[in-house]
Amino acid sequence: MLIAFDGSREAKRAMSYAAQLLVPTHVEILTAWEPLHRTAARTVGMSGLHQAEWVASSAEDDPAYADARETCREGVLLAESLGLEPRAHMVESETSVWSAIVDAARELRPDVIVTGTRAVSGWRSLWQPSTAGSVLQNAGIPVFIVPPEQETESGAES
């Protein structure tokens, strides 16, 4: 089982459900990360401003890599607390997070990919396409998608 883990509440919820419902033992914890210079280039490109040249000499020098490594470690610790035997994987996202997950799944060959979703819809979905939906459409293997918790009328989550 490959668990896509980005540290979000939805990713933690997905891992918890997978541990309960799918009853795995060995799991692959995957954290996709994007180098800071690529994130900056995309952001600046959308603004029309000129981007200064900066590329870290190695992944270890990139703050985004350090954040992703900590997120992946958090995923491993959560998996262990759920009684799973995790192996950590970090993959650099060259085009999109969903394609990094699908490419890693092709290499690791899991039986299922587990992911959470933020369930973004409407206008926001035009600017924030669904990673889970793209994984589902392109993985070629079963994908276990866990929706976010629903808020009750009082504002508390169920």
N, C-alpha and C. Protein backbone atom coordinates (compact mmCIF):
# COMPACT_ATOMS: atom_id res chain seq x y z
N MET A 1 0.85 -1.17 0.00
CA MET A 1 0.00 0.00 0.00
C MET A 1 0.89 1.23 0.00
N LEU A 2 0.57 2.18 -0.85
CA LEU A 2 1.28 3.45 -0.92
C LEU A 2 0.36 4.52 -0.35
N ILE A 3 0.84 5.25 0.64
CA ILE A 3 0.05 6.31 1.26
C ILE A 3 0.68 7.65 0.90
N ALA A 4 -0.06 8.46 0.14
CA ALA A 4 0.41 9.80 -0.21
C ALA A 4 0.20 10.68 1.02
N PHE A 5 1.29 11.24 1.55
CA PHE A 5 1.20 11.97 2.81
C PHE A 5 1.82 13.35 2.68
N ASP A 6 0.98 14.40 2.87
CA ASP A 6 1.48 15.77 2.80
C ASP A 6 1.39 16.50 4.13
N GLY A 7 1.06 15.77 5.19
CA GLY A 7 1.00 16.35 6.52
C GLY A 7 -0.32 17.02 6.85
N SER A 8 -1.22 17.12 5.89
CA SER A 8 -2.50 17.79 6.12
C SER A 8 -3.42 16.93 6.99
N ARG A 9 -4.44 17.56 7.53
CA ARG A 9 -5.44 16.85 8.33
C ARG A 9 -6.10 15.76 7.49
N GLU A 10 -6.31 16.05 6.19
CA GLU A 10 -6.94 15.07 5.30
C GLU A 10 -6.04 13.86 5.08
N ALA A 11 -4.73 14.08 4.96
CA ALA A 11 -3.79 12.97 4.77
C ALA A 11 -3.73 12.09 6.02
N LYS A 12 -3.76 12.72 7.19
CA LYS A 12 -3.75 11.97 8.45
C LYS A 12 -5.02 11.14 8.57
N ARG A 13 -6.15 11.73 8.20
CA ARG A 13 -7.44 11.02 8.24
C ARG A 13 -7.43 9.83 7.27
N ALA A 14 -6.88 10.03 6.08
CA ALA A 14 -6.81 8.95 5.10
C ALA A 14 -5.98 7.79 5.62
N MET A 15 -4.84 8.10 6.25
CA MET A 15 -4.00 7.04 6.79
C MET A 15 -4.72 6.28 7.89
N SER A 16 -5.42 6.98 8.75
CA SER A 16 -6.16 6.33 9.84
C SER A 16 -7.22 5.39 9.29
N TYR A 17 -7.98 5.84 8.29
CA TYR A 17 -9.00 4.98 7.70
C TYR A 17 -8.38 3.78 6.99
N ALA A 18 -7.28 4.00 6.29
CA ALA A 18 -6.62 2.88 5.60
C ALA A 18 -6.16 1.83 6.60
N ALA A 19 -5.61 2.28 7.73
CA ALA A 19 -5.15 1.33 8.75
C ALA A 19 -6.30 0.53 9.32
N GLN A 20 -7.46 1.17 9.49
CA GLN A 20 -8.63 0.50 10.06
C GLN A 20 -9.34 -0.40 9.06
N LEU A 21 -9.54 0.10 7.84
CA LEU A 21 -10.39 -0.61 6.88
C LEU A 21 -9.64 -1.56 5.96
N LEU A 22 -8.43 -1.22 5.59
CA LEU A 22 -7.70 -2.06 4.64
C LEU A 22 -6.76 -3.04 5.33
N VAL A 23 -6.51 -2.83 6.61
CA VAL A 23 -5.70 -3.69 7.46
C VAL A 23 -4.36 -4.09 6.81
N PRO A 24 -3.57 -3.09 6.44
CA PRO A 24 -2.25 -3.41 5.89
C PRO A 24 -1.25 -3.64 7.01
N THR A 25 -0.10 -4.18 6.66
CA THR A 25 0.99 -4.29 7.62
C THR A 25 2.13 -3.38 7.15
N HIS A 26 2.65 -3.68 5.97
CA HIS A 26 3.74 -2.89 5.40
C HIS A 26 3.16 -1.82 4.49
N VAL A 27 3.59 -0.58 4.69
CA VAL A 27 3.10 0.52 3.87
C VAL A 27 4.27 1.39 3.40
N GLU A 28 4.08 2.00 2.26
CA GLU A 28 5.04 2.95 1.71
C GLU A 28 4.47 4.35 1.95
N ILE A 29 5.19 5.17 2.70
CA ILE A 29 4.77 6.55 2.96
C ILE A 29 5.49 7.43 1.94
N LEU A 30 4.72 8.12 1.11
CA LEU A 30 5.29 8.93 0.05
C LEU A 30 4.97 10.40 0.27
N THR A 31 6.00 11.22 0.29
CA THR A 31 5.84 12.67 0.35
C THR A 31 6.46 13.26 -0.90
N ALA A 32 5.63 13.93 -1.70
CA ALA A 32 6.12 14.62 -2.89
C ALA A 32 6.46 16.05 -2.51
N TRP A 33 7.54 16.57 -3.04
CA TRP A 33 7.94 17.93 -2.73
C TRP A 33 8.37 18.64 -4.00
N GLU A 34 8.27 19.95 -3.98
CA GLU A 34 8.66 20.77 -5.12
C GLU A 34 9.76 21.73 -4.67
N PRO A 35 10.87 21.79 -5.41
CA PRO A 35 11.95 22.72 -5.05
C PRO A 35 11.44 24.16 -4.98
N LEU A 36 12.00 24.90 -4.05
CA LEU A 36 11.57 26.28 -3.83
C LEU A 36 11.71 27.13 -5.08
N HIS A 37 12.77 26.94 -5.85
CA HIS A 37 12.95 27.77 -7.05
C HIS A 37 11.85 27.51 -8.08
N ARG A 38 11.35 26.28 -8.15
CA ARG A 38 10.27 25.97 -9.10
C ARG A 38 8.95 26.58 -8.63
N THR A 39 8.69 26.52 -7.31
CA THR A 39 7.49 27.14 -6.75
C THR A 39 7.52 28.64 -7.00
N ALA A 40 8.67 29.25 -6.76
CA ALA A 40 8.81 30.70 -6.96
C ALA A 40 8.63 31.06 -8.43
N ALA A 41 9.20 30.27 -9.33
CA ALA A 41 9.08 30.56 -10.76
C ALA A 41 7.62 30.51 -11.21
N ARG A 42 6.88 29.53 -10.73
CA ARG A 42 5.46 29.42 -11.09
C ARG A 42 4.68 30.62 -10.56
N THR A 43 4.94 30.99 -9.32
CA THR A 43 4.24 32.12 -8.70
C THR A 43 4.56 33.43 -9.40
N VAL A 44 5.84 33.66 -9.65
CA VAL A 44 6.26 34.89 -10.32
C VAL A 44 5.74 34.90 -11.77
N GLY A 45 5.77 33.75 -12.41
CA GLY A 45 5.28 33.66 -13.78
C GLY A 45 3.82 34.06 -13.90
N MET A 46 3.02 33.69 -12.91
CA MET A 46 1.61 34.07 -12.93
C MET A 46 1.43 35.56 -12.71
N SER A 47 2.40 36.20 -12.03
CA SER A 47 2.27 37.62 -11.73
C SER A 47 2.78 38.50 -12.87
N GLY A 48 3.60 37.91 -13.77
CA GLY A 48 4.16 38.69 -14.86
C GLY A 48 5.45 39.40 -14.51
N LEU A 49 5.93 39.25 -13.28
CA LEU A 49 7.18 39.89 -12.85
C LEU A 49 8.38 39.06 -13.28
N HIS A 50 9.55 39.67 -13.26
CA HIS A 50 10.79 38.99 -13.60
C HIS A 50 11.31 38.22 -12.38
N GLN A 51 11.78 37.00 -12.61
CA GLN A 51 12.29 36.18 -11.51
C GLN A 51 13.81 36.22 -11.49
N ALA A 52 14.35 36.41 -10.31
CA ALA A 52 15.80 36.32 -10.13
C ALA A 52 16.22 34.86 -10.20
N GLU A 53 17.42 34.60 -10.68
CA GLU A 53 17.93 33.23 -10.78
C GLU A 53 18.38 32.74 -9.41
N TRP A 54 17.86 31.60 -8.98
CA TRP A 54 18.33 30.96 -7.76
C TRP A 54 17.99 29.49 -7.84
N VAL A 55 18.98 28.69 -7.69
CA VAL A 55 18.80 27.24 -7.63
C VAL A 55 19.71 26.73 -6.54
N ALA A 56 19.15 25.96 -5.61
CA ALA A 56 19.96 25.39 -4.53
C ALA A 56 21.00 24.45 -5.12
N SER A 57 22.16 24.40 -4.50
CA SER A 57 23.23 23.54 -5.01
C SER A 57 22.89 22.06 -4.83
N SER A 58 22.06 21.75 -3.85
CA SER A 58 21.61 20.37 -3.66
C SER A 58 20.25 20.40 -2.98
N ALA A 59 19.55 19.28 -3.03
CA ALA A 59 18.22 19.20 -2.41
C ALA A 59 18.29 19.52 -0.92
N GLU A 60 19.36 19.06 -0.27
CA GLU A 60 19.48 19.28 1.17
C GLU A 60 19.56 20.77 1.54
N ASP A 61 19.98 21.61 0.58
CA ASP A 61 20.06 23.06 0.82
C ASP A 61 18.72 23.76 0.63
N ASP A 62 17.74 23.07 0.10
CA ASP A 62 16.45 23.68 -0.22
C ASP A 62 15.51 23.60 0.99
N PRO A 63 14.99 24.74 1.46
CA PRO A 63 14.07 24.73 2.60
C PRO A 63 12.83 23.87 2.35
N ALA A 64 12.39 23.79 1.10
CA ALA A 64 11.22 22.97 0.78
C ALA A 64 11.53 21.49 1.01
N TYR A 65 12.75 21.08 0.72
CA TYR A 65 13.17 19.70 0.95
C TYR A 65 13.16 19.40 2.45
N ALA A 66 13.69 20.33 3.25
CA ALA A 66 13.72 20.12 4.70
C ALA A 66 12.30 20.00 5.26
N ASP A 67 11.39 20.83 4.79
CA ASP A 67 9.99 20.75 5.22
C ASP A 67 9.37 19.41 4.82
N ALA A 68 9.64 18.99 3.59
CA ALA A 68 9.09 17.72 3.11
C ALA A 68 9.65 16.53 3.89
N ARG A 69 10.94 16.59 4.21
CA ARG A 69 11.56 15.51 4.99
C ARG A 69 10.90 15.40 6.36
N GLU A 70 10.62 16.55 6.99
CA GLU A 70 9.94 16.55 8.29
C GLU A 70 8.51 16.03 8.16
N THR A 71 7.82 16.40 7.09
CA THR A 71 6.46 15.91 6.84
C THR A 71 6.46 14.40 6.66
N CYS A 72 7.42 13.90 5.89
CA CYS A 72 7.51 12.45 5.68
C CYS A 72 7.79 11.73 6.99
N ARG A 73 8.68 12.30 7.81
CA ARG A 73 8.98 11.71 9.12
C ARG A 73 7.73 11.67 9.98
N GLU A 74 6.93 12.73 9.94
CA GLU A 74 5.66 12.77 10.68
C GLU A 74 4.73 11.65 10.19
N GLY A 75 4.70 11.42 8.88
CA GLY A 75 3.88 10.35 8.33
C GLY A 75 4.32 8.98 8.80
N VAL A 76 5.64 8.77 8.86
CA VAL A 76 6.18 7.49 9.35
C VAL A 76 5.80 7.28 10.81
N LEU A 77 5.94 8.33 11.63
CA LEU A 77 5.58 8.21 13.05
C LEU A 77 4.09 7.93 13.23
N LEU A 78 3.25 8.59 12.43
CA LEU A 78 1.81 8.33 12.51
C LEU A 78 1.52 6.89 12.11
N ALA A 79 2.13 6.42 11.04
CA ALA A 79 1.91 5.03 10.61
C ALA A 79 2.32 4.06 11.70
N GLU A 80 3.46 4.29 12.33
CA GLU A 80 3.91 3.41 13.41
C GLU A 80 2.92 3.43 14.57
N SER A 81 2.38 4.61 14.89
CA SER A 81 1.41 4.71 15.99
C SER A 81 0.11 3.97 15.67
N LEU A 82 -0.14 3.74 14.37
CA LEU A 82 -1.34 3.00 13.95
C LEU A 82 -1.06 1.51 13.80
N GLY A 83 0.15 1.08 14.18
CA GLY A 83 0.50 -0.34 14.12
C GLY A 83 1.00 -0.80 12.76
N LEU A 84 1.37 0.14 11.90
CA LEU A 84 1.85 -0.20 10.56
C LEU A 84 3.38 -0.23 10.55
N GLU A 85 3.94 -0.90 9.56
CA GLU A 85 5.38 -0.95 9.36
C GLU A 85 5.70 -0.13 8.11
N PRO A 86 6.06 1.16 8.32
CA PRO A 86 6.25 2.05 7.17
C PRO A 86 7.69 2.09 6.64
N ARG A 87 7.78 2.40 5.34
CA ARG A 87 9.05 2.76 4.70
C ARG A 87 8.84 4.15 4.10
N ALA A 88 9.76 5.03 4.32
CA ALA A 88 9.65 6.42 3.86
C ALA A 88 10.19 6.58 2.45
N HIS A 89 9.48 7.40 1.66
CA HIS A 89 9.91 7.74 0.31
C HIS A 89 9.66 9.22 0.08
N MET A 90 10.64 9.89 -0.50
CA MET A 90 10.46 11.28 -0.90
C MET A 90 10.70 11.33 -2.40
N VAL A 91 9.82 12.08 -3.07
CA VAL A 91 9.96 12.21 -4.51
C VAL A 91 9.79 13.68 -4.89
N GLU A 92 10.68 14.14 -5.76
CA GLU A 92 10.60 15.52 -6.23
C GLU A 92 9.54 15.62 -7.31
N SER A 93 8.63 16.55 -7.13
CA SER A 93 7.57 16.79 -8.10
C SER A 93 8.12 17.68 -9.20
N GLU A 94 8.25 17.14 -10.41
CA GLU A 94 8.80 17.92 -11.51
C GLU A 94 7.72 18.67 -12.28
N THR A 95 6.51 18.13 -12.31
CA THR A 95 5.42 18.80 -13.02
C THR A 95 4.21 19.02 -12.12
N SER A 96 3.76 17.96 -11.47
CA SER A 96 2.60 18.07 -10.57
C SER A 96 2.72 16.99 -9.50
N VAL A 97 2.07 17.23 -8.38
CA VAL A 97 2.11 16.27 -7.28
C VAL A 97 1.47 14.95 -7.70
N TRP A 98 0.33 15.03 -8.40
CA TRP A 98 -0.34 13.79 -8.79
C TRP A 98 0.55 12.93 -9.69
N SER A 99 1.28 13.55 -10.61
CA SER A 99 2.13 12.75 -11.50
C SER A 99 3.31 12.14 -10.73
N ALA A 100 3.81 12.85 -9.72
CA ALA A 100 4.88 12.30 -8.89
C ALA A 100 4.38 11.08 -8.12
N ILE A 101 3.14 11.14 -7.63
CA ILE A 101 2.56 10.00 -6.91
C ILE A 101 2.37 8.81 -7.86
N VAL A 102 1.83 9.07 -9.04
CA VAL A 102 1.60 7.99 -10.02
C VAL A 102 2.93 7.38 -10.46
N ASP A 103 3.93 8.21 -10.72
CA ASP A 103 5.24 7.69 -11.13
C ASP A 103 5.86 6.84 -10.02
N ALA A 104 5.75 7.29 -8.77
CA ALA A 104 6.27 6.51 -7.65
C ALA A 104 5.53 5.19 -7.51
N ALA A 105 4.22 5.21 -7.73
CA ALA A 105 3.43 3.97 -7.65
C ALA A 105 3.86 2.98 -8.72
N ARG A 106 4.18 3.47 -9.90
CA ARG A 106 4.65 2.57 -10.97
C ARG A 106 5.97 1.91 -10.59
N GLU A 107 6.81 2.65 -9.87
CA GLU A 107 8.09 2.10 -9.44
C GLU A 107 7.95 1.16 -8.24
N LEU A 108 7.13 1.55 -7.26
CA LEU A 108 6.99 0.78 -6.02
C LEU A 108 6.00 -0.39 -6.15
N ARG A 109 5.10 -0.31 -7.12
CA ARG A 109 4.12 -1.37 -7.44
C ARG A 109 3.23 -1.78 -6.26
N PRO A 110 2.57 -0.82 -5.60
CA PRO A 110 1.65 -1.17 -4.52
C PRO A 110 0.35 -1.74 -5.09
N ASP A 111 -0.45 -2.36 -4.23
CA ASP A 111 -1.76 -2.87 -4.64
C ASP A 111 -2.80 -1.77 -4.66
N VAL A 112 -2.57 -0.71 -3.85
CA VAL A 112 -3.54 0.39 -3.73
C VAL A 112 -2.79 1.66 -3.34
N ILE A 113 -3.32 2.79 -3.79
CA ILE A 113 -2.81 4.10 -3.37
C ILE A 113 -3.84 4.71 -2.44
N VAL A 114 -3.40 5.23 -1.31
CA VAL A 114 -4.30 5.87 -0.34
C VAL A 114 -4.01 7.37 -0.34
N THR A 115 -5.07 8.17 -0.41
CA THR A 115 -4.91 9.62 -0.36
C THR A 115 -6.14 10.26 0.26
N GLY A 116 -5.94 11.40 0.85
CA GLY A 116 -7.06 12.20 1.32
C GLY A 116 -7.41 13.20 0.23
N THR A 117 -8.48 13.94 0.43
CA THR A 117 -8.86 14.98 -0.51
C THR A 117 -9.43 16.15 0.26
N ARG A 118 -9.23 17.32 -0.27
CA ARG A 118 -9.81 18.52 0.35
C ARG A 118 -11.21 18.80 -0.19
N ALA A 119 -11.61 18.08 -1.23
CA ALA A 119 -12.94 18.20 -1.83
C ALA A 119 -13.24 19.63 -2.27
N VAL A 120 -12.27 20.24 -2.94
CA VAL A 120 -12.46 21.60 -3.46
C VAL A 120 -13.39 21.53 -4.67
N SER A 121 -14.34 22.45 -4.73
CA SER A 121 -15.27 22.46 -5.86
C SER A 121 -15.55 23.90 -6.29
N GLY A 122 -16.36 24.05 -7.31
CA GLY A 122 -16.73 25.37 -7.79
C GLY A 122 -15.56 26.10 -8.42
N TRP A 123 -15.54 27.42 -8.27
CA TRP A 123 -14.50 28.24 -8.86
C TRP A 123 -13.11 27.89 -8.35
N ARG A 124 -13.01 27.53 -7.08
CA ARG A 124 -11.69 27.19 -6.52
C ARG A 124 -11.07 26.00 -7.24
N SER A 125 -11.92 25.08 -7.72
CA SER A 125 -11.39 23.89 -8.39
C SER A 125 -10.72 24.23 -9.73
N LEU A 126 -11.06 25.39 -10.31
CA LEU A 126 -10.39 25.80 -11.55
C LEU A 126 -8.93 26.15 -11.29
N TRP A 127 -8.63 26.70 -10.12
CA TRP A 127 -7.27 27.11 -9.78
C TRP A 127 -6.54 26.06 -8.97
N GLN A 128 -7.29 25.12 -8.38
CA GLN A 128 -6.72 24.08 -7.54
C GLN A 128 -7.27 22.73 -7.99
N PRO A 129 -6.76 22.18 -9.09
CA PRO A 129 -7.29 20.88 -9.55
C PRO A 129 -7.05 19.80 -8.50
N SER A 130 -7.89 18.80 -8.50
CA SER A 130 -7.84 17.74 -7.51
C SER A 130 -6.68 16.78 -7.74
N THR A 131 -5.78 16.74 -6.78
CA THR A 131 -4.69 15.77 -6.84
C THR A 131 -5.24 14.36 -6.77
N ALA A 132 -6.18 14.11 -5.84
CA ALA A 132 -6.75 12.78 -5.68
C ALA A 132 -7.46 12.33 -6.96
N GLY A 133 -8.22 13.24 -7.57
CA GLY A 133 -8.94 12.90 -8.80
C GLY A 133 -7.98 12.56 -9.94
N SER A 134 -6.89 13.31 -10.05
CA SER A 134 -5.91 13.04 -11.09
C SER A 134 -5.18 11.72 -10.84
N VAL A 135 -4.88 11.42 -9.57
CA VAL A 135 -4.28 10.12 -9.25
C VAL A 135 -5.24 9.00 -9.65
N LEU A 136 -6.51 9.15 -9.29
CA LEU A 136 -7.52 8.15 -9.61
C LEU A 136 -7.60 7.90 -11.11
N GLN A 137 -7.58 8.96 -11.90
CA GLN A 137 -7.72 8.84 -13.36
C GLN A 137 -6.48 8.27 -14.03
N ASN A 138 -5.31 8.39 -13.41
CA ASN A 138 -4.06 8.03 -14.09
C ASN A 138 -3.27 6.89 -13.48
N ALA A 139 -3.64 6.41 -12.30
CA ALA A 139 -2.82 5.42 -11.60
C ALA A 139 -2.86 4.02 -12.22
N GLY A 140 -4.01 3.62 -12.72
CA GLY A 140 -4.12 2.28 -13.28
C GLY A 140 -4.23 1.18 -12.23
N ILE A 141 -4.33 1.56 -10.96
CA ILE A 141 -4.55 0.61 -9.86
C ILE A 141 -5.62 1.21 -8.95
N PRO A 142 -6.16 0.42 -8.01
CA PRO A 142 -7.16 0.98 -7.11
C PRO A 142 -6.61 2.15 -6.29
N VAL A 143 -7.48 3.14 -6.07
CA VAL A 143 -7.14 4.32 -5.28
C VAL A 143 -8.19 4.46 -4.20
N PHE A 144 -7.76 4.53 -2.95
CA PHE A 144 -8.63 4.66 -1.79
C PHE A 144 -8.59 6.14 -1.39
N ILE A 145 -9.69 6.87 -1.65
CA ILE A 145 -9.75 8.30 -1.38
C ILE A 145 -10.65 8.55 -0.19
N VAL A 146 -10.13 9.24 0.81
CA VAL A 146 -10.88 9.55 2.02
C VAL A 146 -11.27 11.03 1.99
N PRO A 147 -12.57 11.33 2.06
CA PRO A 147 -12.99 12.73 2.03
C PRO A 147 -12.69 13.42 3.35
N PRO A 148 -12.72 14.76 3.34
CA PRO A 148 -12.49 15.49 4.59
C PRO A 148 -13.67 15.31 5.54
N GLU A 149 -13.42 15.60 6.82
CA GLU A 149 -14.50 15.54 7.78
C GLU A 149 -15.53 16.62 7.44
N GLN A 150 -16.79 16.32 7.68
CA GLN A 150 -17.84 17.28 7.44
C GLN A 150 -18.09 18.07 8.72
N GLU A 151 -18.29 19.37 8.57
CA GLU A 151 -18.62 20.19 9.73
C GLU A 151 -20.11 20.08 10.00
N THR A 152 -20.47 20.00 11.28
CA THR A 152 -21.88 19.98 11.66
C THR A 152 -22.42 21.39 11.67
N GLU A 153 -23.70 21.55 11.83
CA GLU A 153 -24.32 22.88 11.82
C GLU A 153 -23.76 23.78 12.91
N SER A 154 -23.35 23.22 14.03
CA SER A 154 -22.81 24.04 15.13
C SER A 154 -21.37 24.47 14.86
N GLY A 155 -20.78 23.96 13.77
CA GLY A 155 -19.40 24.32 13.43
C GLY A 155 -18.39 23.30 13.90
N ALA A 156 -18.79 22.38 14.76
CA ALA A 156 -17.88 21.33 15.23
C ALA A 156 -17.82 20.24 14.18
N GLU A 157 -16.67 19.60 14.09
CA GLU A 157 -16.54 18.52 13.11
C GLU A 157 -17.04 17.23 13.70
N SER A 158 -17.57 16.41 12.81
CA SER A 158 -18.09 15.11 13.26
C SER A 158 -17.02 14.07 13.28
